[in-house]
């Protein structure tokens, strides 16, 4: 409301630290929201006002309010978050520099361990993911990971959202591809980056697939387009090199990134889903560029950077 903020959730999940952080915010059981909305619907009907709800709001919430009392549309707050200001953009660039240093240290360490220090077929996917987290946390302003690291070797790399688990993870093998998708949360920004390496001798087919993914990545990265062009329109740029030989990948090409917030932040994105056509790119938006190729049971390839939409002279 204009005077209070209420968070509806399972209160048992709150730690003492989170409770302290939420000082001044009213916490109520999740199920109580339906009664609150029903009571609010009376006032909305009398004043002929309407409540803005997002397109993904559940029908139960709309029903509690009364369908005539709602307007279904995108929240203006979401777009304001997506358009980063100068301070946020500077922070994103700075945190990516530090994060890049951590990634360089990691892959330098990993190459040495696998090729010169006896780590081949001894280090596990979880072992090396933990090492990367340690190196990331050594960077200034890092407060943790932006998501669980996807550390995947060989066939596991073909599982797009694979997450290694202790006791069932695979060992790194220099005869197989290694895909690492990871990110950090910094006080000045959020990172999300993927690299695919082969520490041995890749096959000719693996090299061709990698090259085509890289060509798609570069094409999207270098794209110049009219202000307001959607990610739905730009998506084929990243796929064309793969389409030329009958290949494709089964996930979106990019998503928005928050500023020390959600690593997946809308409303902008690059992909074939219809909702990506609803939001055009504008200067100040941050977006990932992450085409890939996945050969089931064999290997996975993904190359990902976080990009900023900027104005250019044409």
C-alpha atoms as a PDB file:
ATOM      1  CA  UNK A   1       0.000   0.000   0.000  1.00  0.00           C
ATOM      2  CA  UNK A   2       1.053   3.649   0.138  1.00  0.00           C
ATOM      3  CA  UNK A   3       1.987   3.222   3.789  1.00  0.00           C
ATOM      4  CA  UNK A   4       3.091  -0.371   4.317  1.00  0.00           C
ATOM      5  CA  UNK A   5       5.035  -3.171   2.633  1.00  0.00           C
ATOM      6  CA  UNK A   6       3.894  -6.744   3.236  1.00  0.00           C
ATOM      7  CA  UNK A   7       5.832  -9.869   2.316  1.00  0.00           C
ATOM      8  CA  UNK A   8       3.744 -13.046   2.057  1.00  0.00           C
ATOM      9  CA  UNK A   9       5.809 -16.176   2.654  1.00  0.00           C
ATOM     10  CA  UNK A  10       6.448 -19.183   4.861  1.00  0.00           C
ATOM     11  CA  UNK A  11       7.793 -17.394   7.936  1.00  0.00           C
ATOM     12  CA  UNK A  12       9.532 -20.553   9.142  1.00  0.00           C
ATOM     13  CA  UNK A  13      12.086 -20.091   6.354  1.00  0.00           C
ATOM     14  CA  UNK A  14      13.318 -16.781   7.763  1.00  0.00           C
ATOM     15  CA  UNK A  15      16.637 -16.766   9.591  1.00  0.00           C
ATOM     16  CA  UNK A  16      17.348 -14.277  12.344  1.00  0.00           C
ATOM     17  CA  UNK A  17      19.655 -12.356  10.004  1.00  0.00           C
ATOM     18  CA  UNK A  18      16.942 -12.054   7.347  1.00  0.00           C
ATOM     19  CA  UNK A  19      14.357 -11.005   9.938  1.00  0.00           C
ATOM     20  CA  UNK A  20      16.692  -8.218  11.037  1.00  0.00           C
ATOM     21  CA  UNK A  21      17.198  -7.149   7.434  1.00  0.00           C
ATOM     22  CA  UNK A  22      13.420  -7.018   6.918  1.00  0.00           C
ATOM     23  CA  UNK A  23      12.895  -4.629   9.816  1.00  0.00           C
ATOM     24  CA  UNK A  24       9.889  -2.415   9.013  1.00  0.00           C
ATOM     25  CA  UNK A  25       8.406  -4.908   6.540  1.00  0.00           C
ATOM     26  CA  UNK A  26       5.326  -6.836   7.627  1.00  0.00           C
ATOM     27  CA  UNK A  27       5.644 -10.609   7.104  1.00  0.00           C
ATOM     28  CA  UNK A  28       2.414 -12.600   6.725  1.00  0.00           C
ATOM     29  CA  UNK A  29       1.645 -16.270   5.902  1.00  0.00           C
ATOM     30  CA  UNK A  30       1.445 -16.803   2.163  1.00  0.00           C
ATOM     31  CA  UNK A  31      -2.144 -18.075   2.239  1.00  0.00           C
ATOM     32  CA  UNK A  32      -3.372 -14.878   3.929  1.00  0.00           C
ATOM     33  CA  UNK A  33      -2.829 -12.902   0.725  1.00  0.00           C
ATOM     34  CA  UNK A  34      -6.091 -14.200  -0.747  1.00  0.00           C
ATOM     35  CA  UNK A  35      -8.190 -12.756   2.077  1.00  0.00           C
ATOM     36  CA  UNK A  36      -6.278  -9.458   1.888  1.00  0.00           C
ATOM     37  CA  UNK A  37      -6.900  -9.172  -1.844  1.00  0.00           C
ATOM     38  CA  UNK A  38     -10.588 -10.019  -1.454  1.00  0.00           C
ATOM     39  CA  UNK A  39     -10.930  -7.210   1.090  1.00  0.00           C
ATOM     40  CA  UNK A  40      -9.034  -4.853  -1.204  1.00  0.00           C
ATOM     41  CA  UNK A  41     -11.379  -5.686  -4.087  1.00  0.00           C
ATOM     42  CA  UNK A  42     -14.272  -3.946  -2.288  1.00  0.00           C
ATOM     43  CA  UNK A  43     -12.422  -0.647  -2.153  1.00  0.00           C
ATOM     44  CA  UNK A  44     -11.253  -0.991  -5.756  1.00  0.00           C
ATOM     45  CA  UNK A  45     -14.822  -1.551  -6.964  1.00  0.00           C
ATOM     46  CA  UNK A  46     -16.127   1.456  -5.027  1.00  0.00           C
ATOM     47  CA  UNK A  47     -13.400   3.778  -6.321  1.00  0.00           C
ATOM     48  CA  UNK A  48     -13.427   2.268  -9.825  1.00  0.00           C
ATOM     49  CA  UNK A  49      -9.710   1.756  -9.430  1.00  0.00           C
ATOM     50  CA  UNK A  50      -7.745  -1.193 -10.736  1.00  0.00           C
ATOM     51  CA  UNK A  51      -4.666  -3.052  -9.568  1.00  0.00           C
ATOM     52  CA  UNK A  52      -1.825  -3.669 -12.025  1.00  0.00           C
ATOM     53  CA  UNK A  53      -0.834  -7.349 -12.239  1.00  0.00           C
ATOM     54  CA  UNK A  54       1.811  -8.957 -14.403  1.00  0.00           C
ATOM     55  CA  UNK A  55       1.089 -11.284 -17.293  1.00  0.00           C
ATOM     56  CA  UNK A  56       2.414 -14.224 -15.287  1.00  0.00           C
ATOM     57  CA  UNK A  57       0.245 -13.595 -12.201  1.00  0.00           C
ATOM     58  CA  UNK A  58      -1.642 -16.696 -11.059  1.00  0.00           C
ATOM     59  CA  UNK A  59      -5.356 -16.980 -11.739  1.00  0.00           C
ATOM     60  CA  UNK A  60      -5.955 -17.502  -8.011  1.00  0.00           C
ATOM     61  CA  UNK A  61      -4.655 -13.988  -7.272  1.00  0.00           C
ATOM     62  CA  UNK A  62      -6.720 -12.421 -10.067  1.00  0.00           C
ATOM     63  CA  UNK A  63      -9.820 -14.292  -8.891  1.00  0.00           C
ATOM     64  CA  UNK A  64      -9.318 -13.045  -5.313  1.00  0.00           C
ATOM     65  CA  UNK A  65      -9.183  -9.460  -6.548  1.00  0.00           C
ATOM     66  CA  UNK A  66     -11.999  -9.842  -9.051  1.00  0.00           C
ATOM     67  CA  UNK A  67     -11.237  -9.837 -12.757  1.00  0.00           C
ATOM     68  CA  UNK A  68     -12.886  -6.426 -13.243  1.00  0.00           C
ATOM     69  CA  UNK A  69     -10.551  -4.900 -10.648  1.00  0.00           C
ATOM     70  CA  UNK A  70      -7.273  -5.734 -12.382  1.00  0.00           C
ATOM     71  CA  UNK A  71      -5.308  -4.474 -15.347  1.00  0.00           C
ATOM     72  CA  UNK A  72      -2.937  -7.051 -16.820  1.00  0.00           C
ATOM     73  CA  UNK A  73       0.241  -5.371 -18.032  1.00  0.00           C
ATOM     74  CA  UNK A  74       3.972  -5.200 -17.415  1.00  0.00           C
ATOM     75  CA  UNK A  75       5.073  -3.338 -14.331  1.00  0.00           C
ATOM     76  CA  UNK A  76       6.925  -0.089 -15.100  1.00  0.00           C
ATOM     77  CA  UNK A  77       9.264  -0.967 -12.236  1.00  0.00           C
ATOM     78  CA  UNK A  78      10.593  -3.949 -14.184  1.00  0.00           C
ATOM     79  CA  UNK A  79      11.628  -1.753 -17.104  1.00  0.00           C
ATOM     80  CA  UNK A  80      13.193   0.816 -14.781  1.00  0.00           C
ATOM     81  CA  UNK A  81      15.345  -1.940 -13.263  1.00  0.00           C
ATOM     82  CA  UNK A  82      16.350  -3.149 -16.724  1.00  0.00           C
ATOM     83  CA  UNK A  83      17.586   0.295 -17.796  1.00  0.00           C
ATOM     84  CA  UNK A  84      20.815   0.633 -15.824  1.00  0.00           C
ATOM     85  CA  UNK A  85      22.035   4.099 -14.852  1.00  0.00           C
ATOM     86  CA  UNK A  86      25.620   5.298 -15.224  1.00  0.00           C
ATOM     87  CA  UNK A  87      26.623   4.154 -11.736  1.00  0.00           C
ATOM     88  CA  UNK A  88      25.182   0.674 -12.259  1.00  0.00           C
ATOM     89  CA  UNK A  89      26.866   0.319 -15.661  1.00  0.00           C
ATOM     90  CA  UNK A  90      30.222   1.410 -14.243  1.00  0.00           C
ATOM     91  CA  UNK A  91      29.814  -1.143 -11.461  1.00  0.00           C
ATOM     92  CA  UNK A  92      28.936  -3.896 -13.929  1.00  0.00           C
ATOM     93  CA  UNK A  93      32.092  -3.197 -15.910  1.00  0.00           C
ATOM     94  CA  UNK A  94      34.302  -3.063 -12.829  1.00  0.00           C
ATOM     95  CA  UNK A  95      32.935  -6.269 -11.309  1.00  0.00           C
ATOM     96  CA  UNK A  96      33.391  -8.053 -14.643  1.00  0.00           C
ATOM     97  CA  UNK A  97      37.050  -7.014 -14.666  1.00  0.00           C
ATOM     98  CA  UNK A  98      37.581  -8.577 -11.247  1.00  0.00           C
ATOM     99  CA  UNK A  99      35.473 -11.594 -12.148  1.00  0.00           C
ATOM    100  CA  UNK A 100      37.499 -12.012 -15.340  1.00  0.00           C
ATOM    101  CA  UNK A 101      40.674 -12.052 -13.259  1.00  0.00           C
ATOM    102  CA  UNK A 102      39.209 -14.843 -11.125  1.00  0.00           C
ATOM    103  CA  UNK A 103      38.273 -16.799 -14.271  1.00  0.00           C
ATOM    104  CA  UNK A 104      41.773 -16.358 -15.737  1.00  0.00           C
ATOM    105  CA  UNK A 105      43.325 -17.550 -12.471  1.00  0.00           C
ATOM    106  CA  UNK A 106      40.971 -20.507 -12.441  1.00  0.00           C
ATOM    107  CA  UNK A 107      41.621 -21.766 -15.941  1.00  0.00           C
ATOM    108  CA  UNK A 108      45.358 -21.196 -15.517  1.00  0.00           C
ATOM    109  CA  UNK A 109      45.267 -23.263 -12.340  1.00  0.00           C
ATOM    110  CA  UNK A 110      43.075 -25.926 -13.949  1.00  0.00           C
ATOM    111  CA  UNK A 111      45.310 -26.327 -17.002  1.00  0.00           C
ATOM    112  CA  UNK A 112      48.367 -26.717 -14.793  1.00  0.00           C
ATOM    113  CA  UNK A 113      46.641 -29.260 -12.535  1.00  0.00           C
ATOM    114  CA  UNK A 114      45.367 -31.371 -15.416  1.00  0.00           C
ATOM    115  CA  UNK A 115      48.427 -31.307 -17.658  1.00  0.00           C
ATOM    116  CA  UNK A 116      51.372 -30.904 -15.300  1.00  0.00           C
ATOM    117  CA  UNK A 117      50.328 -31.785 -11.765  1.00  0.00           C
ATOM    118  CA  UNK A 118      48.617 -35.175 -12.111  1.00  0.00           C
ATOM    119  CA  UNK A 119      45.046 -33.939 -11.785  1.00  0.00           C
ATOM    120  CA  UNK A 120      43.668 -35.700 -14.862  1.00  0.00           C
ATOM    121  CA  UNK A 121      41.038 -38.286 -13.865  1.00  0.00           C
ATOM    122  CA  UNK A 122      41.524 -37.272 -10.217  1.00  0.00           C
ATOM    123  CA  UNK A 123      39.878 -33.861  -9.890  1.00  0.00           C
ATOM    124  CA  UNK A 124      36.080 -33.962  -9.931  1.00  0.00           C
ATOM    125  CA  UNK A 125      33.558 -31.476 -11.307  1.00  0.00           C
ATOM    126  CA  UNK A 126      32.745 -30.441  -7.734  1.00  0.00           C
ATOM    127  CA  UNK A 127      36.418 -30.122  -6.745  1.00  0.00           C
ATOM    128  CA  UNK A 128      37.139 -27.629  -9.486  1.00  0.00           C
ATOM    129  CA  UNK A 129      33.856 -25.737  -8.972  1.00  0.00           C
ATOM    130  CA  UNK A 130      34.826 -25.236  -5.324  1.00  0.00           C
ATOM    131  CA  UNK A 131      38.226 -23.938  -6.421  1.00  0.00           C
ATOM    132  CA  UNK A 132      36.577 -21.416  -8.739  1.00  0.00           C
ATOM    133  CA  UNK A 133      34.335 -20.203  -5.920  1.00  0.00           C
ATOM    134  CA  UNK A 134      37.381 -19.732  -3.680  1.00  0.00           C
ATOM    135  CA  UNK A 135      39.151 -17.663  -6.351  1.00  0.00           C
ATOM    136  CA  UNK A 136      36.024 -15.587  -6.940  1.00  0.00           C
ATOM    137  CA  UNK A 137      35.535 -14.827  -3.256  1.00  0.00           C
ATOM    138  CA  UNK A 138      39.109 -13.497  -3.120  1.00  0.00           C
ATOM    139  CA  UNK A 139      38.075 -10.623  -5.378  1.00  0.00           C
ATOM    140  CA  UNK A 140      37.114  -7.275  -3.884  1.00  0.00           C
ATOM    141  CA  UNK A 141      33.397  -6.751  -3.159  1.00  0.00           C
ATOM    142  CA  UNK A 142      32.456 -10.366  -3.910  1.00  0.00           C
ATOM    143  CA  UNK A 143      29.751 -11.677  -1.597  1.00  0.00           C
ATOM    144  CA  UNK A 144      29.169 -15.084  -3.221  1.00  0.00           C
ATOM    145  CA  UNK A 145      27.923 -16.855  -6.315  1.00  0.00           C
ATOM    146  CA  UNK A 146      25.118 -15.590  -8.535  1.00  0.00           C
ATOM    147  CA  UNK A 147      24.010 -19.217  -9.107  1.00  0.00           C
ATOM    148  CA  UNK A 148      25.312 -22.743  -8.572  1.00  0.00           C
ATOM    149  CA  UNK A 149      28.266 -23.396 -10.860  1.00  0.00           C
ATOM    150  CA  UNK A 150      27.588 -25.632 -13.867  1.00  0.00           C
ATOM    151  CA  UNK A 151      30.870 -27.558 -13.949  1.00  0.00           C
ATOM    152  CA  UNK A 152      30.451 -30.314 -16.516  1.00  0.00           C
ATOM    153  CA  UNK A 153      32.740 -32.668 -18.385  1.00  0.00           C
ATOM    154  CA  UNK A 154      31.994 -34.774 -21.477  1.00  0.00           C
ATOM    155  CA  UNK A 155      28.410 -35.983 -21.753  1.00  0.00           C
ATOM    156  CA  UNK A 156      27.377 -33.958 -18.693  1.00  0.00           C
ATOM    157  CA  UNK A 157      28.041 -30.816 -20.698  1.00  0.00           C
ATOM    158  CA  UNK A 158      25.189 -31.784 -23.016  1.00  0.00           C
ATOM    159  CA  UNK A 159      22.775 -31.464 -20.067  1.00  0.00           C
ATOM    160  CA  UNK A 160      22.023 -27.767 -20.385  1.00  0.00           C
ATOM    161  CA  UNK A 161      21.271 -27.041 -16.707  1.00  0.00           C
ATOM    162  CA  UNK A 162      23.481 -29.748 -15.225  1.00  0.00           C
ATOM    163  CA  UNK A 163      24.554 -29.317 -11.619  1.00  0.00           C
ATOM    164  CA  UNK A 164      27.251 -31.648 -10.227  1.00  0.00           C
ATOM    165  CA  UNK A 165      26.519 -33.341  -6.902  1.00  0.00           C
ATOM    166  CA  UNK A 166      29.042 -34.807  -4.496  1.00  0.00           C
ATOM    167  CA  UNK A 167      29.171 -38.574  -4.839  1.00  0.00           C
ATOM    168  CA  UNK A 168      27.791 -38.718  -8.369  1.00  0.00           C
ATOM    169  CA  UNK A 169      29.950 -36.147 -10.189  1.00  0.00           C
ATOM    170  CA  UNK A 170      32.376 -37.059 -12.980  1.00  0.00           C
ATOM    171  CA  UNK A 171      36.142 -36.720 -13.028  1.00  0.00           C
ATOM    172  CA  UNK A 172      37.789 -34.243 -15.351  1.00  0.00           C
ATOM    173  CA  UNK A 173      39.273 -35.945 -18.382  1.00  0.00           C
ATOM    174  CA  UNK A 174      41.652 -34.235 -20.804  1.00  0.00           C
ATOM    175  CA  UNK A 175      40.208 -36.295 -23.644  1.00  0.00           C
ATOM    176  CA  UNK A 176      36.776 -34.650 -23.189  1.00  0.00           C
ATOM    177  CA  UNK A 177      35.229 -31.192 -23.423  1.00  0.00           C
ATOM    178  CA  UNK A 178      34.804 -29.204 -20.215  1.00  0.00           C
ATOM    179  CA  UNK A 179      31.975 -26.620 -19.933  1.00  0.00           C
ATOM    180  CA  UNK A 180      31.889 -24.170 -17.017  1.00  0.00           C
ATOM    181  CA  UNK A 181      28.961 -21.766 -16.573  1.00  0.00           C
ATOM    182  CA  UNK A 182      29.338 -19.616 -13.463  1.00  0.00           C
ATOM    183  CA  UNK A 183      28.905 -16.171 -11.983  1.00  0.00           C
ATOM    184  CA  UNK A 184      29.445 -13.999  -8.962  1.00  0.00           C
ATOM    185  CA  UNK A 185      27.528 -11.466  -6.917  1.00  0.00           C
ATOM    186  CA  UNK A 186      29.477  -8.302  -6.189  1.00  0.00           C
ATOM    187  CA  UNK A 187      28.372  -5.206  -4.314  1.00  0.00           C
ATOM    188  CA  UNK A 188      28.711  -3.304  -7.596  1.00  0.00           C
ATOM    189  CA  UNK A 189      27.217  -5.835 -10.014  1.00  0.00           C
ATOM    190  CA  UNK A 190      26.361  -9.369 -11.066  1.00  0.00           C
ATOM    191  CA  UNK A 191      28.255 -11.646 -13.477  1.00  0.00           C
ATOM    192  CA  UNK A 192      27.344 -14.636 -15.635  1.00  0.00           C
ATOM    193  CA  UNK A 193      29.971 -16.196 -17.898  1.00  0.00           C
ATOM    194  CA  UNK A 194      30.464 -19.521 -19.687  1.00  0.00           C
ATOM    195  CA  UNK A 195      33.622 -20.963 -21.207  1.00  0.00           C
ATOM    196  CA  UNK A 196      34.203 -24.305 -22.917  1.00  0.00           C
ATOM    197  CA  UNK A 197      37.676 -25.822 -22.957  1.00  0.00           C
ATOM    198  CA  UNK A 198      39.385 -28.946 -24.238  1.00  0.00           C
ATOM    199  CA  UNK A 199      42.685 -29.671 -22.491  1.00  0.00           C
ATOM    200  CA  UNK A 200      43.665 -32.408 -24.934  1.00  0.00           C
ATOM    201  CA  UNK A 201      43.143 -32.851 -28.670  1.00  0.00           C
ATOM    202  CA  UNK A 202      39.562 -32.107 -29.767  1.00  0.00           C
ATOM    203  CA  UNK A 203      38.140 -33.949 -32.734  1.00  0.00           C
ATOM    204  CA  UNK A 204      37.568 -32.190 -36.036  1.00  0.00           C
ATOM    205  CA  UNK A 205      33.810 -32.271 -35.387  1.00  0.00           C
ATOM    206  CA  UNK A 206      34.213 -30.714 -31.933  1.00  0.00           C
ATOM    207  CA  UNK A 207      36.343 -27.938 -33.429  1.00  0.00           C
ATOM    208  CA  UNK A 208      33.771 -27.242 -36.132  1.00  0.00           C
ATOM    209  CA  UNK A 209      30.904 -27.108 -33.625  1.00  0.00           C
ATOM    210  CA  UNK A 210      32.864 -24.813 -31.325  1.00  0.00           C
ATOM    211  CA  UNK A 211      33.783 -22.513 -34.217  1.00  0.00           C
ATOM    212  CA  UNK A 212      30.164 -22.210 -35.329  1.00  0.00           C
ATOM    213  CA  UNK A 213      29.009 -21.397 -31.800  1.00  0.00           C
ATOM    214  CA  UNK A 214      31.758 -18.763 -31.597  1.00  0.00           C
ATOM    215  CA  UNK A 215      30.748 -17.259 -34.955  1.00  0.00           C
ATOM    216  CA  UNK A 216      27.157 -16.922 -33.727  1.00  0.00           C
ATOM    217  CA  UNK A 217      28.348 -15.344 -30.499  1.00  0.00           C
ATOM    218  CA  UNK A 218      30.453 -12.787 -32.376  1.00  0.00           C
ATOM    219  CA  UNK A 219      27.617 -11.997 -34.813  1.00  0.00           C
ATOM    220  CA  UNK A 220      25.231 -11.132 -31.980  1.00  0.00           C
ATOM    221  CA  UNK A 221      27.922  -9.245 -30.059  1.00  0.00           C
ATOM    222  CA  UNK A 222      28.662  -7.013 -33.077  1.00  0.00           C
ATOM    223  CA  UNK A 223      25.036  -6.468 -34.139  1.00  0.00           C
ATOM    224  CA  UNK A 224      23.950  -2.902 -34.905  1.00  0.00           C
ATOM    225  CA  UNK A 225      20.175  -2.455 -34.900  1.00  0.00           C
ATOM    226  CA  UNK A 226      17.459   0.211 -34.599  1.00  0.00           C
ATOM    227  CA  UNK A 227      16.513   1.324 -31.100  1.00  0.00           C
ATOM    228  CA  UNK A 228      13.658  -0.843 -29.836  1.00  0.00           C
ATOM    229  CA  UNK A 229      14.573  -3.962 -31.824  1.00  0.00           C
ATOM    230  CA  UNK A 230      13.601  -7.047 -29.828  1.00  0.00           C
ATOM    231  CA  UNK A 231      15.702 -10.037 -28.898  1.00  0.00           C
ATOM    232  CA  UNK A 232      13.182 -12.178 -30.771  1.00  0.00           C
ATOM    233  CA  UNK A 233      14.314 -10.481 -33.992  1.00  0.00           C
ATOM    234  CA  UNK A 234      18.042 -10.662 -33.162  1.00  0.00           C
ATOM    235  CA  UNK A 235      18.063 -14.308 -32.062  1.00  0.00           C
ATOM    236  CA  UNK A 236      18.734 -15.823 -35.550  1.00  0.00           C
ATOM    237  CA  UNK A 237      22.090 -14.015 -35.730  1.00  0.00           C
ATOM    238  CA  UNK A 238      23.443 -16.368 -33.073  1.00  0.00           C
ATOM    239  CA  UNK A 239      21.958 -19.485 -34.690  1.00  0.00           C
ATOM    240  CA  UNK A 240      22.685 -19.008 -38.391  1.00  0.00           C
ATOM    241  CA  UNK A 241      26.179 -20.603 -38.362  1.00  0.00           C
ATOM    242  CA  UNK A 242      24.654 -23.696 -36.714  1.00  0.00           C
ATOM    243  CA  UNK A 243      21.577 -23.708 -38.968  1.00  0.00           C
ATOM    244  CA  UNK A 244      23.862 -23.834 -42.003  1.00  0.00           C
ATOM    245  CA  UNK A 245      24.772 -27.433 -41.149  1.00  0.00           C
ATOM    246  CA  UNK A 246      21.436 -28.461 -39.631  1.00  0.00           C
ATOM    247  CA  UNK A 247      22.279 -27.819 -35.958  1.00  0.00           C
ATOM    248  CA  UNK A 248      20.587 -25.733 -33.269  1.00  0.00           C
ATOM    249  CA  UNK A 249      20.382 -25.366 -29.481  1.00  0.00           C
ATOM    250  CA  UNK A 250      17.379 -25.816 -27.214  1.00  0.00           C
ATOM    251  CA  UNK A 251      17.537 -22.766 -24.964  1.00  0.00           C
ATOM    252  CA  UNK A 252      17.295 -19.004 -25.155  1.00  0.00           C
ATOM    253  CA  UNK A 253      20.262 -17.075 -26.483  1.00  0.00           C
ATOM    254  CA  UNK A 254      20.304 -14.438 -23.755  1.00  0.00           C
ATOM    255  CA  UNK A 255      18.635 -12.988 -20.674  1.00  0.00           C
ATOM    256  CA  UNK A 256      18.770  -9.741 -18.753  1.00  0.00           C
ATOM    257  CA  UNK A 257      21.158  -9.451 -15.793  1.00  0.00           C
ATOM    258  CA  UNK A 258      20.482  -7.516 -12.596  1.00  0.00           C
ATOM    259  CA  UNK A 259      22.797  -5.081 -10.816  1.00  0.00           C
ATOM    260  CA  UNK A 260      23.676  -6.970  -7.618  1.00  0.00           C
ATOM    261  CA  UNK A 261      20.261  -8.574  -8.058  1.00  0.00           C
ATOM    262  CA  UNK A 262      18.840 -11.553  -9.955  1.00  0.00           C
ATOM    263  CA  UNK A 263      21.240 -13.078 -12.451  1.00  0.00           C
ATOM    264  CA  UNK A 264      18.130 -13.674 -14.605  1.00  0.00           C
ATOM    265  CA  UNK A 265      16.289 -10.361 -14.870  1.00  0.00           C
ATOM    266  CA  UNK A 266      13.575  -9.426 -17.346  1.00  0.00           C
ATOM    267  CA  UNK A 267      11.843  -8.221 -19.267  1.00  0.00           C
ATOM    268  CA  UNK A 268      14.381  -8.241 -22.113  1.00  0.00           C
ATOM    269  CA  UNK A 269      15.894 -11.383 -23.563  1.00  0.00           C
ATOM    270  CA  UNK A 270      17.119 -13.015 -26.754  1.00  0.00           C
ATOM    271  CA  UNK A 271      15.279 -16.120 -27.924  1.00  0.00           C
ATOM    272  CA  UNK A 272      12.387 -17.635 -29.820  1.00  0.00           C
ATOM    273  CA  UNK A 273       9.803 -17.363 -27.034  1.00  0.00           C
ATOM    274  CA  UNK A 274       6.970 -15.016 -27.900  1.00  0.00           C
ATOM    275  CA  UNK A 275       7.399 -12.725 -24.897  1.00  0.00           C
ATOM    276  CA  UNK A 276      10.870 -11.738 -26.128  1.00  0.00           C
ATOM    277  CA  UNK A 277       9.113  -9.957 -29.008  1.00  0.00           C
ATOM    278  CA  UNK A 278       7.253  -7.710 -26.570  1.00  0.00           C
ATOM    279  CA  UNK A 279      10.268  -5.765 -25.273  1.00  0.00           C
ATOM    280  CA  UNK A 280      12.695  -3.845 -27.464  1.00  0.00           C
ATOM    281  CA  UNK A 281      16.340  -3.267 -26.591  1.00  0.00           C
ATOM    282  CA  UNK A 282      17.237   0.190 -25.320  1.00  0.00           C
ATOM    283  CA  UNK A 283      20.580   1.707 -24.286  1.00  0.00           C
ATOM    284  CA  UNK A 284      21.473   0.768 -20.729  1.00  0.00           C
ATOM    285  CA  UNK A 285      20.068  -2.760 -20.826  1.00  0.00           C
ATOM    286  CA  UNK A 286      22.386  -5.606 -19.858  1.00  0.00           C
ATOM    287  CA  UNK A 287      21.936  -8.914 -21.659  1.00  0.00           C
ATOM    288  CA  UNK A 288      23.796 -12.197 -21.911  1.00  0.00           C
ATOM    289  CA  UNK A 289      24.977 -13.603 -25.233  1.00  0.00           C
ATOM    290  CA  UNK A 290      25.197 -17.393 -24.862  1.00  0.00           C
ATOM    291  CA  UNK A 291      24.700 -19.582 -27.926  1.00  0.00           C
ATOM    292  CA  UNK A 292      25.698 -23.229 -27.660  1.00  0.00           C
ATOM    293  CA  UNK A 293      25.535 -26.692 -29.135  1.00  0.00           C
ATOM    294  CA  UNK A 294      24.849 -29.942 -27.264  1.00  0.00           C
ATOM    295  CA  UNK A 295      25.485 -33.423 -28.602  1.00  0.00           C
ATOM    296  CA  UNK A 296      23.587 -35.796 -26.331  1.00  0.00           C
ATOM    297  CA  UNK A 297      25.781 -38.357 -24.617  1.00  0.00           C
ATOM    298  CA  UNK A 298      28.972 -36.762 -25.888  1.00  0.00           C
ATOM    299  CA  UNK A 299      29.706 -33.083 -25.226  1.00  0.00           C
ATOM    300  CA  UNK A 300      28.303 -29.602 -24.719  1.00  0.00           C
ATOM    301  CA  UNK A 301      29.543 -26.218 -25.915  1.00  0.00           C
ATOM    302  CA  UNK A 302      28.438 -22.787 -24.713  1.00  0.00           C
ATOM    303  CA  UNK A 303      30.152 -19.396 -24.928  1.00  0.00           C
ATOM    304  CA  UNK A 304      28.675 -16.633 -22.805  1.00  0.00           C
ATOM    305  CA  UNK A 305      29.451 -13.003 -22.063  1.00  0.00           C
ATOM    306  CA  UNK A 306      27.314 -10.299 -20.517  1.00  0.00           C
ATOM    307  CA  UNK A 307      26.772  -7.365 -22.885  1.00  0.00           C
ATOM    308  CA  UNK A 308      25.470  -3.813 -22.615  1.00  0.00           C
ATOM    309  CA  UNK A 309      23.181  -2.207 -25.180  1.00  0.00           C
ATOM    310  CA  UNK A 310      24.796   1.079 -26.226  1.00  0.00           C
ATOM    311  CA  UNK A 311      23.944   3.865 -28.629  1.00  0.00           C
ATOM    312  CA  UNK A 312      26.140   4.097 -31.721  1.00  0.00           C
ATOM    313  CA  UNK A 313      26.500   6.518 -34.607  1.00  0.00           C
ATOM    314  CA  UNK A 314      25.493   5.083 -37.991  1.00  0.00           C
END
